[in-house]
Amino acid sequence: FAGVSGIKELIKDQSRHPKPRQIQQEEILILDLDEMYRLDFQFNCVDTSDLPQSLQGSKGTAACVVNNDVIVTGGTESGSQAWRYNSSLNSWTRLVFMKTGRSFHGMAALQGQAYVVGGFSEEATQAG
């Protein structure tokens, strides 16, 4: 993340600030092999959404939230794919494919961008 503008300010010690930051969440999202479940804080299922067909059955996907949308990437069956879930519209949109397909990787969001790190590349899993 060294090349991300403003990273030093974001990661410096926040304990000196007199007012603690508050994280506000409205829902819990759970991805399984075929569906995404939206839960409230009492763990009641509010809604379900089928995953896009090409993500269904894929293991090792990763997800993060960017600007209130869920970004899902990779997986054993969907390698280089990337999808955006818009919770307010309950709809999925295919994004540009990743340059290197991967599974069992990590994702993080920073300043409105999703970053994908680690995992197994498609080339490595096909060769092995």
N, C-alpha and C. Protein backbone atom coordinates (compact mmCIF):
# COMPACT_ATOMS: atom_id res chain seq x y z
N PHE A 1 0.81 -1.21 0.00
CA PHE A 1 0.00 0.00 0.00
C PHE A 1 0.85 1.27 0.00
N ALA A 2 2.14 1.13 -0.11
CA ALA A 2 3.02 2.29 -0.02
C ALA A 2 2.71 3.35 -1.07
N GLY A 3 2.20 2.94 -2.24
CA GLY A 3 1.90 3.89 -3.30
C GLY A 3 0.56 4.57 -3.18
N VAL A 4 -0.26 4.21 -2.19
CA VAL A 4 -1.58 4.80 -2.02
C VAL A 4 -1.44 6.16 -1.35
N SER A 5 -1.97 7.19 -2.00
CA SER A 5 -1.86 8.53 -1.41
C SER A 5 -2.64 8.60 -0.10
N GLY A 6 -2.03 9.20 0.89
CA GLY A 6 -2.68 9.37 2.18
C GLY A 6 -2.58 8.18 3.11
N ILE A 7 -1.85 7.14 2.72
CA ILE A 7 -1.78 5.93 3.55
C ILE A 7 -1.12 6.20 4.90
N LYS A 8 -0.11 7.04 4.93
CA LYS A 8 0.57 7.31 6.20
C LYS A 8 -0.38 7.93 7.22
N GLU A 9 -1.25 8.83 6.76
CA GLU A 9 -2.22 9.45 7.67
C GLU A 9 -3.26 8.45 8.14
N LEU A 10 -3.62 7.50 7.27
CA LEU A 10 -4.64 6.52 7.63
C LEU A 10 -4.15 5.50 8.64
N ILE A 11 -2.85 5.17 8.60
CA ILE A 11 -2.36 4.11 9.48
C ILE A 11 -1.66 4.62 10.73
N LYS A 12 -1.49 5.92 10.85
CA LYS A 12 -0.82 6.41 12.06
C LYS A 12 -1.71 6.18 13.28
N ASP A 13 -1.10 6.23 14.43
CA ASP A 13 -1.79 5.93 15.69
C ASP A 13 -3.00 6.86 15.87
N GLN A 14 -4.17 6.27 15.99
CA GLN A 14 -5.41 7.03 16.14
C GLN A 14 -5.78 7.26 17.62
N SER A 15 -5.01 6.69 18.55
CA SER A 15 -5.38 6.76 19.96
C SER A 15 -5.26 8.17 20.53
N ARG A 16 -4.58 9.10 19.85
CA ARG A 16 -4.42 10.45 20.36
C ARG A 16 -5.63 11.33 20.08
N HIS A 17 -6.55 10.84 19.29
CA HIS A 17 -7.72 11.64 18.97
C HIS A 17 -8.70 11.62 20.14
N PRO A 18 -9.23 12.80 20.53
CA PRO A 18 -10.10 12.86 21.69
C PRO A 18 -11.44 12.16 21.47
N LYS A 19 -11.93 12.10 20.25
CA LYS A 19 -13.23 11.48 19.98
C LYS A 19 -13.00 10.19 19.18
N PRO A 20 -13.38 9.03 19.74
CA PRO A 20 -13.15 7.78 19.00
C PRO A 20 -14.03 7.71 17.75
N ARG A 21 -13.50 7.05 16.72
CA ARG A 21 -14.29 6.84 15.51
C ARG A 21 -15.35 5.79 15.78
N GLN A 22 -16.50 5.94 15.17
CA GLN A 22 -17.57 4.98 15.34
C GLN A 22 -17.86 4.32 14.00
N ILE A 23 -17.95 3.02 14.02
CA ILE A 23 -18.29 2.27 12.82
C ILE A 23 -19.77 1.94 12.91
N GLN A 24 -20.50 2.33 11.89
CA GLN A 24 -21.93 2.09 11.87
C GLN A 24 -22.23 1.04 10.82
N GLN A 25 -22.86 -0.04 11.21
CA GLN A 25 -23.22 -1.12 10.31
C GLN A 25 -24.74 -1.29 10.35
N GLU A 26 -25.30 -1.70 9.24
CA GLU A 26 -26.74 -1.91 9.18
C GLU A 26 -27.13 -3.35 8.97
N GLU A 27 -26.26 -4.14 8.35
CA GLU A 27 -26.60 -5.51 8.03
C GLU A 27 -25.37 -6.40 8.14
N ILE A 28 -25.64 -7.69 8.21
CA ILE A 28 -24.61 -8.71 8.15
C ILE A 28 -24.87 -9.48 6.86
N LEU A 29 -23.83 -9.65 6.05
CA LEU A 29 -23.96 -10.39 4.80
C LEU A 29 -23.18 -11.69 4.92
N ILE A 30 -23.80 -12.79 4.54
CA ILE A 30 -23.15 -14.09 4.57
C ILE A 30 -23.21 -14.69 3.17
N LEU A 31 -22.04 -15.05 2.64
CA LEU A 31 -21.96 -15.71 1.34
C LEU A 31 -21.82 -17.20 1.56
N ASP A 32 -22.63 -18.01 0.85
CA ASP A 32 -22.37 -19.44 0.83
C ASP A 32 -22.10 -19.82 -0.63
N LEU A 33 -22.16 -21.07 -0.96
CA LEU A 33 -21.79 -21.48 -2.32
C LEU A 33 -22.77 -21.03 -3.39
N ASP A 34 -24.03 -20.77 -3.03
CA ASP A 34 -25.03 -20.43 -4.05
C ASP A 34 -25.79 -19.14 -3.78
N GLU A 35 -25.80 -18.66 -2.54
CA GLU A 35 -26.62 -17.50 -2.19
C GLU A 35 -25.87 -16.55 -1.27
N MET A 36 -26.38 -15.33 -1.19
CA MET A 36 -25.93 -14.37 -0.20
C MET A 36 -27.14 -14.07 0.69
N TYR A 37 -26.93 -14.13 1.99
CA TYR A 37 -27.99 -13.86 2.96
C TYR A 37 -27.76 -12.51 3.61
N ARG A 38 -28.81 -11.72 3.73
CA ARG A 38 -28.75 -10.45 4.44
C ARG A 38 -29.46 -10.63 5.78
N LEU A 39 -28.74 -10.38 6.87
CA LEU A 39 -29.27 -10.55 8.21
C LEU A 39 -29.30 -9.23 8.94
N ASP A 40 -30.28 -9.08 9.85
CA ASP A 40 -30.25 -7.93 10.73
C ASP A 40 -29.41 -8.28 11.95
N PHE A 41 -29.31 -7.36 12.92
CA PHE A 41 -28.45 -7.60 14.08
C PHE A 41 -28.99 -8.64 15.05
N GLN A 42 -30.23 -9.06 14.86
CA GLN A 42 -30.78 -10.15 15.66
C GLN A 42 -30.64 -11.48 14.91
N PHE A 43 -29.92 -11.45 13.80
CA PHE A 43 -29.66 -12.61 12.95
C PHE A 43 -30.91 -13.14 12.26
N ASN A 44 -31.89 -12.27 12.07
CA ASN A 44 -33.05 -12.63 11.27
C ASN A 44 -32.71 -12.42 9.81
N CYS A 45 -33.09 -13.37 8.97
CA CYS A 45 -32.82 -13.24 7.55
C CYS A 45 -33.77 -12.20 6.95
N VAL A 46 -33.20 -11.12 6.44
CA VAL A 46 -33.98 -10.03 5.86
C VAL A 46 -34.25 -10.29 4.39
N ASP A 47 -33.25 -10.88 3.70
CA ASP A 47 -33.37 -11.10 2.26
C ASP A 47 -32.30 -12.09 1.83
N THR A 48 -32.52 -12.72 0.68
CA THR A 48 -31.51 -13.56 0.07
C THR A 48 -31.35 -13.14 -1.38
N SER A 49 -30.18 -13.42 -1.92
CA SER A 49 -29.92 -13.14 -3.32
C SER A 49 -29.10 -14.28 -3.88
N ASP A 50 -29.53 -14.84 -5.00
CA ASP A 50 -28.73 -15.86 -5.65
C ASP A 50 -27.43 -15.23 -6.13
N LEU A 51 -26.32 -15.94 -5.94
CA LEU A 51 -25.07 -15.48 -6.51
C LEU A 51 -25.16 -15.63 -8.03
N PRO A 52 -24.40 -14.84 -8.77
CA PRO A 52 -24.35 -15.04 -10.22
C PRO A 52 -23.99 -16.49 -10.53
N GLN A 53 -24.55 -17.03 -11.58
CA GLN A 53 -24.36 -18.44 -11.94
C GLN A 53 -22.88 -18.83 -11.95
N SER A 54 -22.03 -17.98 -12.49
CA SER A 54 -20.61 -18.34 -12.60
C SER A 54 -19.89 -18.35 -11.25
N LEU A 55 -20.46 -17.74 -10.21
CA LEU A 55 -19.88 -17.81 -8.86
C LEU A 55 -20.40 -18.99 -8.06
N GLN A 56 -21.54 -19.53 -8.45
CA GLN A 56 -22.16 -20.59 -7.67
C GLN A 56 -21.28 -21.84 -7.64
N GLY A 57 -21.11 -22.38 -6.47
CA GLY A 57 -20.30 -23.58 -6.27
C GLY A 57 -18.81 -23.31 -6.18
N SER A 58 -18.40 -22.08 -6.34
CA SER A 58 -16.98 -21.74 -6.30
C SER A 58 -16.54 -21.56 -4.85
N LYS A 59 -15.46 -22.21 -4.49
CA LYS A 59 -14.88 -22.07 -3.14
C LYS A 59 -13.72 -21.11 -3.22
N GLY A 60 -13.38 -20.50 -2.09
CA GLY A 60 -12.20 -19.65 -2.03
C GLY A 60 -12.38 -18.27 -2.63
N THR A 61 -13.63 -17.79 -2.73
CA THR A 61 -13.86 -16.43 -3.17
C THR A 61 -13.49 -15.48 -2.03
N ALA A 62 -13.36 -14.21 -2.34
CA ALA A 62 -13.10 -13.20 -1.31
C ALA A 62 -14.07 -12.05 -1.55
N ALA A 63 -14.35 -11.30 -0.50
CA ALA A 63 -15.29 -10.18 -0.61
C ALA A 63 -14.88 -9.04 0.30
N CYS A 64 -15.27 -7.84 -0.09
CA CYS A 64 -15.11 -6.67 0.75
C CYS A 64 -16.18 -5.66 0.35
N VAL A 65 -16.37 -4.65 1.18
CA VAL A 65 -17.37 -3.62 0.92
C VAL A 65 -16.68 -2.35 0.47
N VAL A 66 -17.12 -1.81 -0.68
CA VAL A 66 -16.59 -0.56 -1.23
C VAL A 66 -17.79 0.34 -1.51
N ASN A 67 -17.86 1.47 -0.82
CA ASN A 67 -18.95 2.43 -1.02
C ASN A 67 -20.32 1.77 -0.95
N ASN A 68 -20.55 0.95 0.05
CA ASN A 68 -21.81 0.25 0.32
C ASN A 68 -22.15 -0.83 -0.69
N ASP A 69 -21.26 -1.16 -1.61
CA ASP A 69 -21.45 -2.28 -2.51
C ASP A 69 -20.49 -3.39 -2.10
N VAL A 70 -20.92 -4.64 -2.29
CA VAL A 70 -20.07 -5.78 -1.98
C VAL A 70 -19.35 -6.20 -3.26
N ILE A 71 -18.03 -6.31 -3.19
CA ILE A 71 -17.23 -6.76 -4.31
C ILE A 71 -16.78 -8.19 -4.01
N VAL A 72 -17.05 -9.11 -4.93
CA VAL A 72 -16.67 -10.52 -4.77
C VAL A 72 -15.75 -10.89 -5.92
N THR A 73 -14.62 -11.52 -5.60
CA THR A 73 -13.66 -11.87 -6.64
C THR A 73 -13.20 -13.32 -6.50
N GLY A 74 -12.72 -13.86 -7.62
CA GLY A 74 -12.03 -15.13 -7.67
C GLY A 74 -12.82 -16.34 -7.25
N GLY A 75 -12.08 -17.37 -6.86
CA GLY A 75 -12.68 -18.63 -6.45
C GLY A 75 -12.19 -19.77 -7.32
N THR A 76 -12.42 -20.99 -6.86
CA THR A 76 -11.93 -22.18 -7.56
C THR A 76 -12.61 -22.38 -8.91
N GLU A 77 -13.85 -21.95 -9.04
CA GLU A 77 -14.58 -22.14 -10.29
C GLU A 77 -14.68 -20.84 -11.09
N SER A 78 -14.39 -19.73 -10.47
CA SER A 78 -14.62 -18.42 -11.11
C SER A 78 -13.36 -17.56 -11.16
N GLY A 79 -12.21 -18.13 -10.96
CA GLY A 79 -10.88 -17.56 -10.97
C GLY A 79 -10.69 -16.07 -11.12
N SER A 80 -10.81 -15.55 -12.31
CA SER A 80 -10.47 -14.14 -12.54
C SER A 80 -11.70 -13.22 -12.55
N GLN A 81 -12.85 -13.75 -12.21
CA GLN A 81 -14.06 -12.93 -12.25
C GLN A 81 -14.15 -11.98 -11.06
N ALA A 82 -14.84 -10.88 -11.29
CA ALA A 82 -15.12 -9.90 -10.23
C ALA A 82 -16.56 -9.43 -10.41
N TRP A 83 -17.28 -9.34 -9.31
CA TRP A 83 -18.69 -8.94 -9.34
C TRP A 83 -18.94 -7.89 -8.28
N ARG A 84 -19.92 -7.02 -8.55
CA ARG A 84 -20.36 -6.00 -7.59
C ARG A 84 -21.83 -6.28 -7.26
N TYR A 85 -22.12 -6.34 -5.95
CA TYR A 85 -23.50 -6.50 -5.50
C TYR A 85 -23.98 -5.17 -4.94
N ASN A 86 -25.02 -4.62 -5.52
CA ASN A 86 -25.64 -3.39 -5.05
C ASN A 86 -26.80 -3.78 -4.15
N SER A 87 -26.63 -3.59 -2.84
CA SER A 87 -27.63 -4.05 -1.89
C SER A 87 -28.93 -3.26 -1.97
N SER A 88 -28.86 -1.98 -2.33
CA SER A 88 -30.10 -1.20 -2.41
C SER A 88 -30.97 -1.64 -3.59
N LEU A 89 -30.34 -2.16 -4.66
CA LEU A 89 -31.09 -2.65 -5.82
C LEU A 89 -31.22 -4.17 -5.85
N ASN A 90 -30.52 -4.84 -4.92
CA ASN A 90 -30.49 -6.30 -4.87
C ASN A 90 -30.10 -6.86 -6.24
N SER A 91 -29.00 -6.32 -6.81
CA SER A 91 -28.59 -6.75 -8.15
C SER A 91 -27.08 -6.94 -8.22
N TRP A 92 -26.66 -7.81 -9.13
CA TRP A 92 -25.26 -8.12 -9.37
C TRP A 92 -24.83 -7.55 -10.71
N THR A 93 -23.61 -7.01 -10.78
CA THR A 93 -23.04 -6.50 -12.02
C THR A 93 -21.65 -7.10 -12.18
N ARG A 94 -21.38 -7.64 -13.36
CA ARG A 94 -20.04 -8.18 -13.63
C ARG A 94 -19.08 -7.02 -13.83
N LEU A 95 -17.91 -7.12 -13.21
CA LEU A 95 -16.86 -6.12 -13.35
C LEU A 95 -15.79 -6.65 -14.30
N VAL A 96 -14.80 -5.84 -14.57
CA VAL A 96 -13.67 -6.24 -15.40
C VAL A 96 -12.96 -7.42 -14.74
N PHE A 97 -12.53 -8.40 -15.54
CA PHE A 97 -11.83 -9.55 -15.00
C PHE A 97 -10.50 -9.13 -14.38
N MET A 98 -10.08 -9.84 -13.34
CA MET A 98 -8.77 -9.60 -12.76
C MET A 98 -7.70 -10.09 -13.73
N LYS A 99 -6.53 -9.48 -13.70
CA LYS A 99 -5.44 -9.90 -14.59
C LYS A 99 -5.00 -11.32 -14.29
N THR A 100 -4.97 -11.68 -13.02
CA THR A 100 -4.59 -13.03 -12.60
C THR A 100 -5.71 -13.61 -11.77
N GLY A 101 -6.28 -14.72 -12.24
CA GLY A 101 -7.31 -15.39 -11.47
C GLY A 101 -6.71 -15.98 -10.20
N ARG A 102 -7.49 -15.98 -9.13
CA ARG A 102 -6.98 -16.51 -7.87
C ARG A 102 -8.11 -17.03 -7.01
N SER A 103 -7.73 -17.84 -6.04
CA SER A 103 -8.69 -18.36 -5.07
C SER A 103 -8.03 -18.37 -3.69
N PHE A 104 -8.85 -18.41 -2.66
CA PHE A 104 -8.38 -18.41 -1.27
C PHE A 104 -7.45 -17.22 -1.01
N HIS A 105 -7.85 -16.07 -1.50
CA HIS A 105 -7.08 -14.84 -1.38
C HIS A 105 -7.78 -13.90 -0.39
N GLY A 106 -7.18 -12.77 -0.15
CA GLY A 106 -7.76 -11.78 0.74
C GLY A 106 -8.13 -10.53 -0.04
N MET A 107 -9.04 -9.74 0.52
CA MET A 107 -9.43 -8.47 -0.07
C MET A 107 -9.55 -7.43 1.02
N ALA A 108 -9.28 -6.19 0.65
CA ALA A 108 -9.46 -5.06 1.56
C ALA A 108 -9.88 -3.86 0.75
N ALA A 109 -10.61 -2.96 1.39
CA ALA A 109 -11.03 -1.72 0.74
C ALA A 109 -10.30 -0.56 1.40
N LEU A 110 -9.84 0.37 0.56
CA LEU A 110 -9.14 1.55 1.04
C LEU A 110 -9.42 2.69 0.08
N GLN A 111 -9.95 3.77 0.60
CA GLN A 111 -10.24 4.98 -0.18
C GLN A 111 -11.04 4.67 -1.45
N GLY A 112 -12.08 3.85 -1.29
CA GLY A 112 -12.97 3.56 -2.41
C GLY A 112 -12.45 2.58 -3.44
N GLN A 113 -11.33 1.93 -3.15
CA GLN A 113 -10.73 0.96 -4.06
C GLN A 113 -10.66 -0.40 -3.37
N ALA A 114 -10.84 -1.48 -4.13
CA ALA A 114 -10.70 -2.84 -3.61
C ALA A 114 -9.31 -3.35 -3.98
N TYR A 115 -8.63 -3.96 -3.02
CA TYR A 115 -7.31 -4.54 -3.24
C TYR A 115 -7.38 -6.04 -2.99
N VAL A 116 -6.80 -6.82 -3.91
CA VAL A 116 -6.77 -8.27 -3.81
C VAL A 116 -5.33 -8.70 -3.55
N VAL A 117 -5.14 -9.55 -2.55
CA VAL A 117 -3.78 -9.97 -2.19
C VAL A 117 -3.73 -11.47 -1.93
N GLY A 118 -2.58 -12.06 -2.25
CA GLY A 118 -2.30 -13.45 -1.89
C GLY A 118 -3.15 -14.47 -2.61
N GLY A 119 -3.27 -15.63 -1.98
CA GLY A 119 -4.07 -16.72 -2.52
C GLY A 119 -3.30 -17.55 -3.52
N PHE A 120 -4.04 -18.38 -4.24
CA PHE A 120 -3.48 -19.26 -5.26
C PHE A 120 -3.90 -18.76 -6.62
N SER A 121 -2.94 -18.66 -7.54
CA SER A 121 -3.28 -18.20 -8.89
C SER A 121 -3.81 -19.38 -9.70
N GLU A 122 -4.58 -19.07 -10.76
CA GLU A 122 -5.12 -20.11 -11.62
C GLU A 122 -4.00 -20.95 -12.22
N GLU A 123 -2.91 -20.29 -12.62
CA GLU A 123 -1.79 -21.00 -13.24
C GLU A 123 -1.21 -22.03 -12.26
N ALA A 124 -1.06 -21.64 -11.01
CA ALA A 124 -0.47 -22.54 -10.02
C ALA A 124 -1.38 -23.73 -9.74
N THR A 125 -2.69 -23.51 -9.68
CA THR A 125 -3.60 -24.62 -9.39
C THR A 125 -3.76 -25.54 -10.57
N GLN A 126 -3.64 -25.01 -11.80
CA GLN A 126 -3.76 -25.87 -12.98
C GLN A 126 -2.50 -26.70 -13.18
N ALA A 127 -1.34 -26.14 -12.80
CA ALA A 127 -0.07 -26.86 -12.97
C ALA A 127 0.11 -27.96 -11.93
N GLY A 128 -0.49 -27.75 -10.76
CA GLY A 128 -0.24 -28.67 -9.65
C GLY A 128 -1.20 -29.75 -9.57
